[in-house]
C-alpha atoms as a PDB file:
ATOM      1  CA  GLY A   1      98.248 113.452  98.237  1.00  0.00           C
ATOM      2  CA  GLU A   2      94.434 113.654  98.991  1.00  0.00           C
ATOM      3  CA  GLY A   3      93.429 112.042  96.043  1.00  0.00           C
ATOM      4  CA  ARG A   4      95.195 108.679  96.646  1.00  0.00           C
ATOM      5  CA  PHE A   5      95.084 108.873 100.226  1.00  0.00           C
ATOM      6  CA  PRO A   6      91.450 109.064 101.633  1.00  0.00           C
ATOM      7  CA  SER A   7      90.846 109.908 105.215  1.00  0.00           C
ATOM      8  CA  ALA A   8      90.237 107.300 107.776  1.00  0.00           C
ATOM      9  CA  MET A   9      89.212 108.135 111.445  1.00  0.00           C
ATOM     10  CA  GLU A  10      91.236 106.676 114.522  1.00  0.00           C
ATOM     11  CA  ASP A  11      88.550 104.094 115.039  1.00  0.00           C
ATOM     12  CA  GLY A  12      88.956 102.843 111.376  1.00  0.00           C
ATOM     13  CA  THR A  13      85.799 104.356 110.042  1.00  0.00           C
ATOM     14  CA  ALA A  14      85.641 106.625 106.806  1.00  0.00           C
ATOM     15  CA  ARG A  15      85.688 110.436 107.378  1.00  0.00           C
ATOM     16  CA  ASP A  16      82.856 111.798 105.008  1.00  0.00           C
ATOM     17  CA  ASP A  17      84.897 113.784 102.524  1.00  0.00           C
ATOM     18  CA  ASP A  18      83.320 114.679  99.383  1.00  0.00           C
ATOM     19  CA  GLY A  19      82.107 111.515  98.270  1.00  0.00           C
ATOM     20  CA  ARG A  20      84.085 111.271  95.003  1.00  0.00           C
ATOM     21  CA  PRO A  21      85.784 107.480  94.698  1.00  0.00           C
ATOM     22  CA  THR A  22      89.417 107.169  95.297  1.00  0.00           C
ATOM     23  CA  LEU A  23      91.457 106.141  91.851  1.00  0.00           C
ATOM     24  CA  ARG A  24      94.774 104.221  92.288  1.00  0.00           C
ATOM     25  CA  ARG A  25      94.379 104.490  95.962  1.00  0.00           C
ATOM     26  CA  ALA A  26      97.897 104.410  97.548  1.00  0.00           C
ATOM     27  CA  GLY A  27      96.581 103.975 101.295  1.00  0.00           C
ATOM     28  CA  PHE A  28      94.834 106.239 103.674  1.00  0.00           C
ATOM     29  CA  ARG A  29      95.452 109.471 105.820  1.00  0.00           C
ATOM     30  CA  LYS A  30      94.851 108.897 109.452  1.00  0.00           C
ATOM     31  CA  VAL A  31      95.510 110.424 112.815  1.00  0.00           C
ATOM     32  CA  THR A  32      97.366 107.592 114.819  1.00  0.00           C
ATOM     33  CA  GLY A  33      98.927 107.538 118.312  1.00  0.00           C
ATOM     34  CA  GLY A  34     101.966 109.242 116.532  1.00  0.00           C
ATOM     35  CA  GLY A  35      99.745 112.187 115.041  1.00  0.00           C
ATOM     36  CA  PRO A  36      98.773 112.693 111.420  1.00  0.00           C
ATOM     37  CA  ALA A  37     100.117 109.966 108.939  1.00  0.00           C
ATOM     38  CA  PHE A  38     100.080 108.710 105.523  1.00  0.00           C
ATOM     39  CA  LEU A  39      99.526 104.765 105.529  1.00  0.00           C
ATOM     40  CA  PHE A  40     100.919 103.277 102.356  1.00  0.00           C
ATOM     41  CA  PHE A  41      99.927  99.926 101.164  1.00  0.00           C
ATOM     42  CA  PRO A  42     103.206  97.629 101.217  1.00  0.00           C
ATOM     43  CA  GLU A  43     102.792  97.035  97.307  1.00  0.00           C
ATOM     44  CA  VAL A  44     102.743 100.848  96.756  1.00  0.00           C
ATOM     45  CA  TRP A  45     105.562 101.474  99.013  1.00  0.00           C
ATOM     46  CA  ARG A  46     107.677  98.717  97.134  1.00  0.00           C
ATOM     47  CA  ALA A  47     106.574  99.505  93.553  1.00  0.00           C
ATOM     48  CA  GLU A  48     106.105 103.392  93.527  1.00  0.00           C
ATOM     49  CA  VAL A  49     107.833 104.876  96.732  1.00  0.00           C
ATOM     50  CA  PHE A  50     111.166 102.982  96.348  1.00  0.00           C
ATOM     51  CA  GLU A  51     110.892 102.029  92.822  1.00  0.00           C
ATOM     52  CA  GLY A  52     114.338 100.522  91.876  1.00  0.00           C
ATOM     53  CA  ALA A  53     115.555 101.046  95.271  1.00  0.00           C
ATOM     54  CA  ASP A  54     115.652  98.820  98.443  1.00  0.00           C
ATOM     55  CA  ALA A  55     112.290  99.515 100.029  1.00  0.00           C
ATOM     56  CA  THR A  56     113.267  97.750 103.306  1.00  0.00           C
ATOM     57  CA  ALA A  57     116.565  99.855 103.696  1.00  0.00           C
ATOM     58  CA  GLY A  58     114.514 102.933 103.122  1.00  0.00           C
ATOM     59  CA  ALA A  59     111.788 102.007 105.691  1.00  0.00           C
ATOM     60  CA  ARG A  60     114.677 101.501 108.212  1.00  0.00           C
ATOM     61  CA  ALA A  61     116.290 104.771 107.235  1.00  0.00           C
ATOM     62  CA  LEU A  62     112.795 106.543 107.880  1.00  0.00           C
ATOM     63  CA  VAL A  63     112.499 104.884 111.219  1.00  0.00           C
ATOM     64  CA  ARG A  64     115.897 106.286 112.252  1.00  0.00           C
ATOM     65  CA  ALA A  65     114.971 109.784 111.034  1.00  0.00           C
ATOM     66  CA  GLY A  66     111.753 109.375 113.273  1.00  0.00           C
ATOM     67  CA  PHE A  67     109.357 109.772 110.115  1.00  0.00           C
ATOM     68  CA  LEU A  68     108.261 106.081 109.957  1.00  0.00           C
ATOM     69  CA  LEU A  69     106.050 104.933 112.945  1.00  0.00           C
ATOM     70  CA  PRO A  70     106.900 101.287 113.246  1.00  0.00           C
ATOM     71  CA  GLY A  71     104.581  98.602 114.349  1.00  0.00           C
ATOM     72  CA  GLU A  72     104.579  96.290 117.187  1.00  0.00           C
ATOM     73  CA  ALA A  73     107.940  94.259 118.103  1.00  0.00           C
ATOM     74  CA  GLY A  74     109.865  96.809 115.775  1.00  0.00           C
ATOM     75  CA  LYS A  75     108.324  95.566 112.627  1.00  0.00           C
ATOM     76  CA  LEU A  76     108.637  98.197 109.831  1.00  0.00           C
ATOM     77  CA  GLN A  77     104.847  97.729 108.820  1.00  0.00           C
ATOM     78  CA  ARG A  78     101.936  98.351 111.352  1.00  0.00           C
ATOM     79  CA  LYS A  79      98.594  97.103 111.762  1.00  0.00           C
ATOM     80  CA  GLU A  80      95.727  99.813 111.353  1.00  0.00           C
ATOM     81  CA  ARG A  81      91.776  99.803 111.235  1.00  0.00           C
ATOM     82  CA  VAL A  82      90.695 101.463 107.870  1.00  0.00           C
ATOM     83  CA  PRO A  83      87.436 101.368 106.235  1.00  0.00           C
ATOM     84  CA  GLY A  84      86.723  98.760 103.701  1.00  0.00           C
ATOM     85  CA  PHE A  85      89.024  96.096 105.266  1.00  0.00           C
ATOM     86  CA  ASP A  86      88.255  93.292 107.736  1.00  0.00           C
ATOM     87  CA  GLY A  87      90.808  93.080 110.653  1.00  0.00           C
ATOM     88  CA  GLN A  88      93.683  95.238 110.469  1.00  0.00           C
ATOM     89  CA  PRO A  89      95.795  95.363 107.258  1.00  0.00           C
ATOM     90  CA  ARG A  90      99.393  96.171 107.677  1.00  0.00           C
ATOM     91  CA  PHE A  91     100.907  99.603 106.352  1.00  0.00           C
ATOM     92  CA  TYR A  92     104.046 101.650 106.321  1.00  0.00           C
ATOM     93  CA  ALA A  93     102.804 104.520 108.487  1.00  0.00           C
ATOM     94  CA  VAL A  94     104.718 107.937 107.697  1.00  0.00           C
ATOM     95  CA  ARG A  95     104.338 110.844 109.690  1.00  0.00           C
ATOM     96  CA  ALA A  96     102.665 113.744 107.776  1.00  0.00           C
ATOM     97  CA  SER A  97     105.435 116.055 109.142  1.00  0.00           C
ATOM     98  CA  ILE A  98     107.951 114.620 106.539  1.00  0.00           C
ATOM     99  CA  MET A  99     106.198 116.724 104.120  1.00  0.00           C
ATOM    100  CA  THR A 100     107.419 119.908 105.858  1.00  0.00           C
ATOM    101  CA  ALA A 101     110.960 118.782 107.370  1.00  0.00           C
ATOM    102  CA  GLU A 102     114.033 120.386 106.218  1.00  0.00           C
END
């Protein structure tokens, strides 16, 4: 997970990891208002996470289960500050606790 998800600080700056470049970046790891989360780029969400399935339906199911942190006005994606991007790009923000859920 860490290889494709470099860390971002809450203020959007980069956390100094080991200096290695991120290959095939899928998004970022970041502590948000909802705790630690994986921020997925929308194109990765559709092409890899839900390959061959309905990505919107999957996102809605994760919201109902409490694992997807929705954006403003109930949108499935949320804006986040991350290093290397101007403004606040949109991401699908999945709580890291999904990795240990039963």
